[in-house]
Amino acid sequence: MKLIIFILLFVFSINCFSQIDGVTINPLKISDRQYEETALTKYLNEAKWNVLFPNRHGRLSKNTTKKSKDFYSFKSFVAAARFFPGFISGNVVTQKRELAAFLANIAQETSGGWNEAPGGYFKWGLYYVEELEDSTKNKYADYTKLKYMPVPGKSYMGRGPKQLSWNYNYGQFSEAWYGSKDTLLIHPERLAEDPVLSFASAIWFWMTPQFPKPSCHDIMTGKWNPTPYDLQKGRVPGFGATVNVINGGVECGLGKDLEKTAHRYRYYLYFCKYFKASAGENVNCMNQKPFGQ
């Protein structure tokens, strides 16, 4: 009997916990963090969410999924945020800026807006769950990342508020959430099916540094101190650096702003105005070389 119990406990430990660089990771999905308080509700509620994102995915009959009539609901956002109690932290101004920066980036990543859109461009954030690009052409599969090898036939295209992309990001988030890299490497489509998981993927990316990049959270809360080399390359604290982390290879260091990048900045200023917070310095990244260069 004792042997059977030992075997069951051993199997459970393998399934529920992951070893990353010799450290046992308690998966977020089964952790007590889900009961934590979140500062998010200090600044937003469902009514305000409906004002900011009236055309989000699932609220329009032409833009629904079988999984959820309101995929990006405020309830799902709050449920995911509880797993990351450090999200939206610092003094009041810092909290408002971080929230504005997070919303600006996810709104632009998922935008269905255009310049003459009903209600204005800013009312069309969180419109898409999956990116529009044909996943048969770009599966976002990087076979040089041996620890997080792509699964044949699976696409790691952008999904969710952050539009999480590439197999190595799916694998890392899967380790943090499930305790196993394989869950989302095998089933990446779950990010487009589970609203809380989807929001959690965006917050996880926001909170997690990936060398040589700092985390967006550390940038917006003043915890990131640029190295002399960063400064030489124009990388300085501010909203622009979060854009650099998320899509710097495409949008930063060009000496000018792409249209979509300009929309990110405008979204940030829009949300800062909504929360009655100053935007701070270094809002753009046009003169910042991408991290790693």
C-alpha atoms as a PDB file:
ATOM      1  CA  MET A   1       0.000   0.000   0.000  1.00  0.00           C
ATOM      2  CA  LYS A   2       2.785   2.401   0.910  1.00  0.00           C
ATOM      3  CA  LEU A   3       4.486   1.636  -2.377  1.00  0.00           C
ATOM      4  CA  ILE A   4       1.317   2.486  -4.324  1.00  0.00           C
ATOM      5  CA  ILE A   5       0.933   5.810  -2.486  1.00  0.00           C
ATOM      6  CA  PHE A   6       4.571   6.665  -3.158  1.00  0.00           C
ATOM      7  CA  ILE A   7       4.166   5.926  -6.866  1.00  0.00           C
ATOM      8  CA  LEU A   8       1.034   8.087  -7.077  1.00  0.00           C
ATOM      9  CA  LEU A   9       2.774  10.982  -5.350  1.00  0.00           C
ATOM     10  CA  PHE A  10       5.761  10.630  -7.639  1.00  0.00           C
ATOM     11  CA  VAL A  11       3.588  10.690 -10.764  1.00  0.00           C
ATOM     12  CA  PHE A  12       1.689  13.706  -9.443  1.00  0.00           C
ATOM     13  CA  SER A  13       4.917  15.590  -8.810  1.00  0.00           C
ATOM     14  CA  ILE A  14       6.111  14.931 -12.348  1.00  0.00           C
ATOM     15  CA  ASN A  15       2.861  16.158 -13.864  1.00  0.00           C
ATOM     16  CA  CYS A  16       2.413  19.222 -11.691  1.00  0.00           C
ATOM     17  CA  PHE A  17       5.912  20.586 -11.294  1.00  0.00           C
ATOM     18  CA  SER A  18       8.622  21.573 -13.705  1.00  0.00           C
ATOM     19  CA  GLN A  19      12.359  21.686 -13.275  1.00  0.00           C
ATOM     20  CA  ILE A  20      13.867  24.811 -14.832  1.00  0.00           C
ATOM     21  CA  ASP A  21      17.625  25.121 -14.392  1.00  0.00           C
ATOM     22  CA  GLY A  22      17.403  22.878 -11.336  1.00  0.00           C
ATOM     23  CA  VAL A  23      14.681  24.947  -9.634  1.00  0.00           C
ATOM     24  CA  THR A  24      11.253  23.469  -8.979  1.00  0.00           C
ATOM     25  CA  ILE A  25       8.525  25.684 -10.381  1.00  0.00           C
ATOM     26  CA  ASN A  26       5.051  25.700  -8.868  1.00  0.00           C
ATOM     27  CA  PRO A  27       2.717  26.088 -11.867  1.00  0.00           C
ATOM     28  CA  LEU A  28       0.660  29.259 -11.774  1.00  0.00           C
ATOM     29  CA  LYS A  29      -2.483  27.382 -12.783  1.00  0.00           C
ATOM     30  CA  ILE A  30      -2.648  25.522  -9.458  1.00  0.00           C
ATOM     31  CA  SER A  31      -0.951  28.111  -7.235  1.00  0.00           C
ATOM     32  CA  ASP A  32      -2.565  30.157  -4.489  1.00  0.00           C
ATOM     33  CA  ARG A  33      -1.803  33.313  -6.460  1.00  0.00           C
ATOM     34  CA  GLN A  34      -5.200  33.129  -8.123  1.00  0.00           C
ATOM     35  CA  TYR A  35      -6.670  34.438  -4.878  1.00  0.00           C
ATOM     36  CA  GLU A  36      -4.359  37.466  -4.648  1.00  0.00           C
ATOM     37  CA  GLU A  37      -5.630  41.029  -4.783  1.00  0.00           C
ATOM     38  CA  THR A  38      -4.884  43.050  -7.898  1.00  0.00           C
ATOM     39  CA  ALA A  39      -4.467  46.812  -8.233  1.00  0.00           C
ATOM     40  CA  LEU A  40      -6.180  46.566 -11.602  1.00  0.00           C
ATOM     41  CA  THR A  41      -9.603  46.994 -10.013  1.00  0.00           C
ATOM     42  CA  LYS A  42      -8.538  50.309  -8.465  1.00  0.00           C
ATOM     43  CA  TYR A  43      -8.671  51.901 -11.901  1.00  0.00           C
ATOM     44  CA  LEU A  44     -11.076  49.821 -13.957  1.00  0.00           C
ATOM     45  CA  ASN A  45     -14.404  48.091 -13.612  1.00  0.00           C
ATOM     46  CA  GLU A  46     -16.696  46.405 -16.089  1.00  0.00           C
ATOM     47  CA  ALA A  47     -18.497  49.626 -17.030  1.00  0.00           C
ATOM     48  CA  LYS A  48     -15.227  51.445 -17.757  1.00  0.00           C
ATOM     49  CA  TRP A  49     -13.932  48.409 -19.643  1.00  0.00           C
ATOM     50  CA  ASN A  50     -17.004  48.516 -21.852  1.00  0.00           C
ATOM     51  CA  VAL A  51     -16.339  52.176 -22.618  1.00  0.00           C
ATOM     52  CA  LEU A  52     -12.680  51.602 -23.456  1.00  0.00           C
ATOM     53  CA  PHE A  53     -13.210  48.417 -25.494  1.00  0.00           C
ATOM     54  CA  PRO A  54     -16.768  48.514 -26.838  1.00  0.00           C
ATOM     55  CA  ASN A  55     -15.900  46.545 -29.970  1.00  0.00           C
ATOM     56  CA  ARG A  56     -13.788  43.849 -28.369  1.00  0.00           C
ATOM     57  CA  HIS A  57     -13.947  40.322 -29.684  1.00  0.00           C
ATOM     58  CA  GLY A  58     -17.293  38.695 -29.075  1.00  0.00           C
ATOM     59  CA  ARG A  59     -19.370  41.788 -28.394  1.00  0.00           C
ATOM     60  CA  LEU A  60     -20.394  42.095 -32.048  1.00  0.00           C
ATOM     61  CA  SER A  61     -22.376  39.415 -33.831  1.00  0.00           C
ATOM     62  CA  LYS A  62     -19.909  39.425 -36.715  1.00  0.00           C
ATOM     63  CA  ASN A  63     -16.948  38.943 -34.413  1.00  0.00           C
ATOM     64  CA  THR A  64     -17.657  36.019 -32.105  1.00  0.00           C
ATOM     65  CA  THR A  65     -16.091  32.697 -31.219  1.00  0.00           C
ATOM     66  CA  LYS A  66     -17.675  29.390 -30.290  1.00  0.00           C
ATOM     67  CA  LYS A  67     -15.710  29.453 -27.043  1.00  0.00           C
ATOM     68  CA  SER A  68     -16.823  32.809 -25.656  1.00  0.00           C
ATOM     69  CA  LYS A  69     -19.325  35.501 -26.613  1.00  0.00           C
ATOM     70  CA  ASP A  70     -17.129  38.017 -24.785  1.00  0.00           C
ATOM     71  CA  PHE A  71     -13.619  36.624 -25.053  1.00  0.00           C
ATOM     72  CA  TYR A  72     -11.863  39.698 -23.664  1.00  0.00           C
ATOM     73  CA  SER A  73     -14.231  40.302 -20.762  1.00  0.00           C
ATOM     74  CA  PHE A  74     -13.118  42.380 -17.794  1.00  0.00           C
ATOM     75  CA  LYS A  75     -13.878  39.406 -15.539  1.00  0.00           C
ATOM     76  CA  SER A  76     -11.336  37.284 -17.440  1.00  0.00           C
ATOM     77  CA  PHE A  77      -8.753  40.074 -17.302  1.00  0.00           C
ATOM     78  CA  VAL A  78      -9.108  40.388 -13.524  1.00  0.00           C
ATOM     79  CA  ALA A  79      -8.979  36.609 -13.036  1.00  0.00           C
ATOM     80  CA  ALA A  80      -5.690  36.462 -14.939  1.00  0.00           C
ATOM     81  CA  ALA A  81      -4.234  39.520 -13.187  1.00  0.00           C
ATOM     82  CA  ARG A  82      -4.718  37.892  -9.773  1.00  0.00           C
ATOM     83  CA  PHE A  83      -2.008  35.383 -10.678  1.00  0.00           C
ATOM     84  CA  PHE A  84       0.462  38.287 -11.016  1.00  0.00           C
ATOM     85  CA  PRO A  85       0.097  40.458  -7.895  1.00  0.00           C
ATOM     86  CA  GLY A  86       3.127  42.561  -8.919  1.00  0.00           C
ATOM     87  CA  PHE A  87       1.332  43.676 -12.062  1.00  0.00           C
ATOM     88  CA  ILE A  88       0.338  47.365 -11.736  1.00  0.00           C
ATOM     89  CA  SER A  89       2.541  48.330  -8.787  1.00  0.00           C
ATOM     90  CA  GLY A  90       4.403  51.325  -7.383  1.00  0.00           C
ATOM     91  CA  ASN A  91       2.955  54.723  -6.541  1.00  0.00           C
ATOM     92  CA  VAL A  92      -0.291  55.936  -8.099  1.00  0.00           C
ATOM     93  CA  VAL A  93       1.344  57.649 -11.087  1.00  0.00           C
ATOM     94  CA  THR A  94       3.521  54.616 -11.773  1.00  0.00           C
ATOM     95  CA  GLN A  95       0.531  52.293 -11.558  1.00  0.00           C
ATOM     96  CA  LYS A  96      -1.488  54.399 -13.963  1.00  0.00           C
ATOM     97  CA  ARG A  97       1.384  54.627 -16.441  1.00  0.00           C
ATOM     98  CA  GLU A  98       1.976  50.884 -16.339  1.00  0.00           C
ATOM     99  CA  LEU A  99      -1.693  50.146 -16.898  1.00  0.00           C
ATOM    100  CA  ALA A 100      -1.844  52.680 -19.734  1.00  0.00           C
ATOM    101  CA  ALA A 101       1.261  51.155 -21.316  1.00  0.00           C
ATOM    102  CA  PHE A 102      -0.076  47.610 -21.049  1.00  0.00           C
ATOM    103  CA  LEU A 103      -3.460  48.560 -22.499  1.00  0.00           C
ATOM    104  CA  ALA A 104      -1.847  50.568 -25.288  1.00  0.00           C
ATOM    105  CA  ASN A 105       0.241  47.640 -26.434  1.00  0.00           C
ATOM    106  CA  ILE A 106      -2.502  45.014 -26.291  1.00  0.00           C
ATOM    107  CA  ALA A 107      -4.981  47.375 -27.932  1.00  0.00           C
ATOM    108  CA  GLN A 108      -2.664  47.961 -30.882  1.00  0.00           C
ATOM    109  CA  GLU A 109      -1.645  44.311 -31.119  1.00  0.00           C
ATOM    110  CA  THR A 110      -5.300  43.301 -31.504  1.00  0.00           C
ATOM    111  CA  SER A 111      -6.725  46.406 -33.155  1.00  0.00           C
ATOM    112  CA  GLY A 112      -9.477  46.200 -35.712  1.00  0.00           C
ATOM    113  CA  GLY A 113      -9.609  49.974 -36.105  1.00  0.00           C
ATOM    114  CA  TRP A 114      -9.012  52.327 -38.967  1.00  0.00           C
ATOM    115  CA  ASN A 115      -8.833  56.103 -39.150  1.00  0.00           C
ATOM    116  CA  GLU A 116     -12.522  56.562 -39.970  1.00  0.00           C
ATOM    117  CA  ALA A 117     -13.762  53.749 -37.739  1.00  0.00           C
ATOM    118  CA  PRO A 118     -17.092  54.338 -35.953  1.00  0.00           C
ATOM    119  CA  GLY A 119     -16.347  55.911 -32.588  1.00  0.00           C
ATOM    120  CA  GLY A 120     -12.715  56.473 -33.576  1.00  0.00           C
ATOM    121  CA  TYR A 121      -9.648  54.288 -33.914  1.00  0.00           C
ATOM    122  CA  PHE A 122      -9.152  53.903 -30.164  1.00  0.00           C
ATOM    123  CA  LYS A 123     -12.485  52.114 -29.684  1.00  0.00           C
ATOM    124  CA  TRP A 124     -11.410  49.057 -31.666  1.00  0.00           C
ATOM    125  CA  GLY A 125      -8.763  47.484 -29.470  1.00  0.00           C
ATOM    126  CA  LEU A 126      -8.992  43.777 -28.525  1.00  0.00           C
ATOM    127  CA  TYR A 127     -10.927  43.065 -31.716  1.00  0.00           C
ATOM    128  CA  TYR A 128      -8.873  40.042 -32.815  1.00  0.00           C
ATOM    129  CA  VAL A 129      -7.882  36.920 -30.885  1.00  0.00           C
ATOM    130  CA  GLU A 130      -5.648  35.444 -33.586  1.00  0.00           C
ATOM    131  CA  GLU A 131      -3.480  37.359 -36.011  1.00  0.00           C
ATOM    132  CA  LEU A 132      -4.745  37.734 -39.539  1.00  0.00           C
ATOM    133  CA  GLU A 133      -1.656  36.352 -41.241  1.00  0.00           C
ATOM    134  CA  ASP A 134      -2.148  32.979 -42.899  1.00  0.00           C
ATOM    135  CA  SER A 135      -0.672  30.516 -40.397  1.00  0.00           C
ATOM    136  CA  THR A 136       0.150  28.065 -43.177  1.00  0.00           C
ATOM    137  CA  LYS A 137       2.711  30.543 -44.482  1.00  0.00           C
ATOM    138  CA  ASN A 138       4.295  31.557 -41.175  1.00  0.00           C
ATOM    139  CA  LYS A 139       4.115  29.098 -38.328  1.00  0.00           C
ATOM    140  CA  TYR A 140       6.511  31.155 -36.164  1.00  0.00           C
ATOM    141  CA  ALA A 141       8.560  28.018 -35.608  1.00  0.00           C
ATOM    142  CA  ASP A 142      12.190  28.617 -34.637  1.00  0.00           C
ATOM    143  CA  TYR A 143      14.061  25.299 -34.824  1.00  0.00           C
ATOM    144  CA  THR A 144      17.216  26.826 -33.346  1.00  0.00           C
ATOM    145  CA  LYS A 145      15.506  26.982 -29.933  1.00  0.00           C
ATOM    146  CA  LEU A 146      16.264  23.383 -29.046  1.00  0.00           C
ATOM    147  CA  LYS A 147      14.697  23.527 -25.592  1.00  0.00           C
ATOM    148  CA  TYR A 148      11.340  24.529 -27.057  1.00  0.00           C
ATOM    149  CA  MET A 149      11.213  22.642 -30.323  1.00  0.00           C
ATOM    150  CA  PRO A 150       8.115  23.222 -32.471  1.00  0.00           C
ATOM    151  CA  VAL A 151       5.638  20.384 -32.895  1.00  0.00           C
ATOM    152  CA  PRO A 152       5.099  19.446 -36.551  1.00  0.00           C
ATOM    153  CA  GLY A 153       1.838  20.773 -37.924  1.00  0.00           C
ATOM    154  CA  LYS A 154       1.387  23.373 -35.169  1.00  0.00           C
ATOM    155  CA  SER A 155       1.466  27.130 -35.644  1.00  0.00           C
ATOM    156  CA  TYR A 156       2.782  29.506 -32.990  1.00  0.00           C
ATOM    157  CA  MET A 157       1.282  32.575 -34.609  1.00  0.00           C
ATOM    158  CA  GLY A 158       0.102  35.508 -32.534  1.00  0.00           C
ATOM    159  CA  ARG A 159      -2.770  34.753 -30.191  1.00  0.00           C
ATOM    160  CA  GLY A 160      -4.375  36.603 -27.309  1.00  0.00           C
ATOM    161  CA  PRO A 161      -4.091  40.219 -26.103  1.00  0.00           C
ATOM    162  CA  LYS A 162      -0.319  40.307 -26.514  1.00  0.00           C
ATOM    163  CA  GLN A 163      -0.483  38.158 -29.669  1.00  0.00           C
ATOM    164  CA  LEU A 164       2.048  35.785 -28.110  1.00  0.00           C
ATOM    165  CA  SER A 165       4.196  34.429 -30.939  1.00  0.00           C
ATOM    166  CA  TRP A 166       6.972  31.881 -31.553  1.00  0.00           C
ATOM    167  CA  ASN A 167       7.413  28.421 -30.091  1.00  0.00           C
ATOM    168  CA  TYR A 168       9.938  29.535 -27.462  1.00  0.00           C
ATOM    169  CA  ASN A 169       7.436  31.990 -25.973  1.00  0.00           C
ATOM    170  CA  TYR A 170       4.666  29.388 -25.975  1.00  0.00           C
ATOM    171  CA  GLY A 171       7.035  26.907 -24.336  1.00  0.00           C
ATOM    172  CA  GLN A 172       8.226  29.286 -21.636  1.00  0.00           C
ATOM    173  CA  PHE A 173       4.733  30.448 -20.764  1.00  0.00           C
ATOM    174  CA  SER A 174       3.554  26.842 -20.733  1.00  0.00           C
ATOM    175  CA  GLU A 175       6.269  26.019 -18.167  1.00  0.00           C
ATOM    176  CA  ALA A 176       5.185  28.925 -15.979  1.00  0.00           C
ATOM    177  CA  TRP A 177       1.462  28.199 -16.233  1.00  0.00           C
ATOM    178  CA  TYR A 178       1.221  24.413 -16.462  1.00  0.00           C
ATOM    179  CA  GLY A 179       4.605  23.332 -15.141  1.00  0.00           C
ATOM    180  CA  SER A 180       5.372  21.718 -18.490  1.00  0.00           C
ATOM    181  CA  LYS A 181       6.644  23.273 -21.705  1.00  0.00           C
ATOM    182  CA  ASP A 182       4.880  20.610 -23.739  1.00  0.00           C
ATOM    183  CA  THR A 183       1.280  21.587 -22.993  1.00  0.00           C
ATOM    184  CA  LEU A 184       1.202  24.683 -25.174  1.00  0.00           C
ATOM    185  CA  LEU A 185       3.833  23.462 -27.610  1.00  0.00           C
ATOM    186  CA  ILE A 186       1.419  20.635 -28.401  1.00  0.00           C
ATOM    187  CA  HIS A 187      -1.744  22.709 -28.019  1.00  0.00           C
ATOM    188  CA  PRO A 188      -0.914  26.355 -28.883  1.00  0.00           C
ATOM    189  CA  GLU A 189      -4.516  26.891 -29.981  1.00  0.00           C
ATOM    190  CA  ARG A 190      -5.567  26.964 -26.314  1.00  0.00           C
ATOM    191  CA  LEU A 191      -4.570  30.635 -26.191  1.00  0.00           C
ATOM    192  CA  ALA A 192      -7.449  31.324 -28.566  1.00  0.00           C
ATOM    193  CA  GLU A 193      -9.884  29.181 -26.593  1.00  0.00           C
ATOM    194  CA  ASP A 194      -9.388  30.019 -22.907  1.00  0.00           C
ATOM    195  CA  PRO A 195      -9.873  33.743 -22.096  1.00  0.00           C
ATOM    196  CA  VAL A 196      -8.117  33.666 -18.700  1.00  0.00           C
ATOM    197  CA  LEU A 197      -5.173  31.713 -20.128  1.00  0.00           C
ATOM    198  CA  SER A 198      -5.041  34.190 -22.994  1.00  0.00           C
ATOM    199  CA  PHE A 199      -4.888  37.241 -20.711  1.00  0.00           C
ATOM    200  CA  ALA A 200      -2.388  35.437 -18.477  1.00  0.00           C
ATOM    201  CA  SER A 201      -0.069  34.910 -21.454  1.00  0.00           C
ATOM    202  CA  ALA A 202      -0.035  38.663 -22.060  1.00  0.00           C
ATOM    203  CA  ILE A 203       0.627  39.547 -18.418  1.00  0.00           C
ATOM    204  CA  TRP A 204       3.287  36.831 -18.146  1.00  0.00           C
ATOM    205  CA  PHE A 205       5.134  38.272 -21.147  1.00  0.00           C
ATOM    206  CA  TRP A 206       4.799  41.769 -19.666  1.00  0.00           C
ATOM    207  CA  MET A 207       6.239  40.679 -16.309  1.00  0.00           C
ATOM    208  CA  THR A 208       9.029  38.370 -17.512  1.00  0.00           C
ATOM    209  CA  PRO A 209      12.479  39.585 -18.600  1.00  0.00           C
ATOM    210  CA  GLN A 210      14.096  37.659 -21.434  1.00  0.00           C
ATOM    211  CA  PHE A 211      17.777  38.483 -21.774  1.00  0.00           C
ATOM    212  CA  PRO A 212      18.949  40.819 -23.188  1.00  0.00           C
ATOM    213  CA  LYS A 213      15.535  42.433 -22.835  1.00  0.00           C
ATOM    214  CA  PRO A 214      14.208  43.688 -19.513  1.00  0.00           C
ATOM    215  CA  SER A 215      10.558  43.120 -18.702  1.00  0.00           C
ATOM    216  CA  CYS A 216       8.046  45.761 -19.737  1.00  0.00           C
ATOM    217  CA  HIS A 217       6.947  45.837 -16.100  1.00  0.00           C
ATOM    218  CA  ASP A 218      10.436  46.749 -14.900  1.00  0.00           C
ATOM    219  CA  ILE A 219      10.670  49.464 -17.548  1.00  0.00           C
ATOM    220  CA  MET A 220       7.402  51.129 -16.562  1.00  0.00           C
ATOM    221  CA  THR A 221       7.987  50.822 -12.796  1.00  0.00           C
ATOM    222  CA  GLY A 222      11.508  52.266 -12.900  1.00  0.00           C
ATOM    223  CA  LYS A 223      13.262  49.018 -11.940  1.00  0.00           C
ATOM    224  CA  TRP A 224      15.192  48.769 -15.185  1.00  0.00           C
ATOM    225  CA  ASN A 225      18.552  50.557 -15.209  1.00  0.00           C
ATOM    226  CA  PRO A 226      19.976  50.756 -18.750  1.00  0.00           C
ATOM    227  CA  THR A 227      23.587  49.684 -19.124  1.00  0.00           C
ATOM    228  CA  PRO A 228      26.102  52.088 -20.701  1.00  0.00           C
ATOM    229  CA  TYR A 229      25.734  50.014 -23.875  1.00  0.00           C
ATOM    230  CA  ASP A 230      21.948  50.438 -23.760  1.00  0.00           C
ATOM    231  CA  LEU A 231      22.375  54.182 -23.448  1.00  0.00           C
ATOM    232  CA  GLN A 232      24.844  54.184 -26.317  1.00  0.00           C
ATOM    233  CA  LYS A 233      22.167  52.516 -28.439  1.00  0.00           C
ATOM    234  CA  GLY A 234      19.515  54.998 -27.346  1.00  0.00           C
ATOM    235  CA  ARG A 235      17.622  52.574 -25.136  1.00  0.00           C
ATOM    236  CA  VAL A 236      16.189  54.574 -22.255  1.00  0.00           C
ATOM    237  CA  PRO A 237      13.311  54.082 -19.770  1.00  0.00           C
ATOM    238  CA  GLY A 238       9.848  55.056 -20.944  1.00  0.00           C
ATOM    239  CA  PHE A 239       6.950  53.705 -22.954  1.00  0.00           C
ATOM    240  CA  GLY A 240       9.110  53.530 -26.088  1.00  0.00           C
ATOM    241  CA  ALA A 241      11.257  50.833 -24.481  1.00  0.00           C
ATOM    242  CA  THR A 242       8.196  48.599 -23.978  1.00  0.00           C
ATOM    243  CA  VAL A 243       7.552  48.823 -27.718  1.00  0.00           C
ATOM    244  CA  ASN A 244      11.198  47.876 -28.209  1.00  0.00           C
ATOM    245  CA  VAL A 245      10.753  44.781 -26.044  1.00  0.00           C
ATOM    246  CA  ILE A 246       7.577  43.708 -27.826  1.00  0.00           C
ATOM    247  CA  ASN A 247       8.437  44.446 -31.456  1.00  0.00           C
ATOM    248  CA  GLY A 248      11.690  46.389 -31.559  1.00  0.00           C
ATOM    249  CA  GLY A 249      13.142  44.477 -34.481  1.00  0.00           C
ATOM    250  CA  VAL A 250      10.373  45.808 -36.707  1.00  0.00           C
ATOM    251  CA  GLU A 251       9.285  49.100 -35.161  1.00  0.00           C
ATOM    252  CA  CYS A 252      12.279  50.696 -33.415  1.00  0.00           C
ATOM    253  CA  GLY A 253      15.518  52.401 -34.426  1.00  0.00           C
ATOM    254  CA  LEU A 254      14.234  53.498 -37.824  1.00  0.00           C
ATOM    255  CA  GLY A 255      14.599  57.227 -37.242  1.00  0.00           C
ATOM    256  CA  LYS A 256      10.894  57.554 -38.026  1.00  0.00           C
ATOM    257  CA  ASP A 257       7.640  55.998 -36.890  1.00  0.00           C
ATOM    258  CA  LEU A 258       5.713  53.373 -38.786  1.00  0.00           C
ATOM    259  CA  GLU A 259       1.973  54.039 -38.823  1.00  0.00           C
ATOM    260  CA  LYS A 260       1.244  51.135 -36.498  1.00  0.00           C
ATOM    261  CA  THR A 261       3.956  52.311 -34.111  1.00  0.00           C
ATOM    262  CA  ALA A 262       2.522  55.812 -34.067  1.00  0.00           C
ATOM    263  CA  HIS A 263      -0.809  54.255 -33.118  1.00  0.00           C
ATOM    264  CA  ARG A 264       0.877  52.588 -30.129  1.00  0.00           C
ATOM    265  CA  TYR A 265       2.123  55.961 -28.910  1.00  0.00           C
ATOM    266  CA  ARG A 266      -1.274  57.554 -29.465  1.00  0.00           C
ATOM    267  CA  TYR A 267      -2.977  54.724 -27.621  1.00  0.00           C
ATOM    268  CA  TYR A 268      -0.604  55.247 -24.694  1.00  0.00           C
ATOM    269  CA  LEU A 269      -1.317  58.979 -24.566  1.00  0.00           C
ATOM    270  CA  TYR A 270      -5.035  58.217 -24.883  1.00  0.00           C
ATOM    271  CA  PHE A 271      -5.009  55.866 -21.886  1.00  0.00           C
ATOM    272  CA  CYS A 272      -2.785  58.191 -19.850  1.00  0.00           C
ATOM    273  CA  LYS A 273      -5.329  60.955 -20.425  1.00  0.00           C
ATOM    274  CA  TYR A 274      -8.147  58.600 -19.448  1.00  0.00           C
ATOM    275  CA  PHE A 275      -6.407  57.699 -16.157  1.00  0.00           C
ATOM    276  CA  LYS A 276      -5.348  61.317 -15.605  1.00  0.00           C
ATOM    277  CA  ALA A 277      -1.636  60.539 -15.533  1.00  0.00           C
ATOM    278  CA  SER A 278       1.321  62.215 -17.211  1.00  0.00           C
ATOM    279  CA  ALA A 279       2.947  60.111 -19.899  1.00  0.00           C
ATOM    280  CA  GLY A 280       6.535  60.524 -18.716  1.00  0.00           C
ATOM    281  CA  GLU A 281       9.589  60.775 -20.930  1.00  0.00           C
ATOM    282  CA  ASN A 282      10.771  58.765 -23.939  1.00  0.00           C
ATOM    283  CA  VAL A 283       7.401  57.776 -25.336  1.00  0.00           C
ATOM    284  CA  ASN A 284       8.779  56.691 -28.727  1.00  0.00           C
ATOM    285  CA  CYS A 285      11.531  54.302 -29.800  1.00  0.00           C
ATOM    286  CA  MET A 286      12.430  55.689 -33.214  1.00  0.00           C
ATOM    287  CA  ASN A 287      16.023  56.301 -32.124  1.00  0.00           C
ATOM    288  CA  GLN A 288      16.390  53.143 -30.028  1.00  0.00           C
ATOM    289  CA  LYS A 289      18.270  50.242 -31.529  1.00  0.00           C
ATOM    290  CA  PRO A 290      16.446  46.946 -30.896  1.00  0.00           C
ATOM    291  CA  PHE A 291      17.571  44.992 -27.843  1.00  0.00           C
ATOM    292  CA  GLY A 292      20.367  42.606 -28.763  1.00  0.00           C
ATOM    293  CA  GLN A 293      21.903  44.993 -31.296  1.00  0.00           C
END
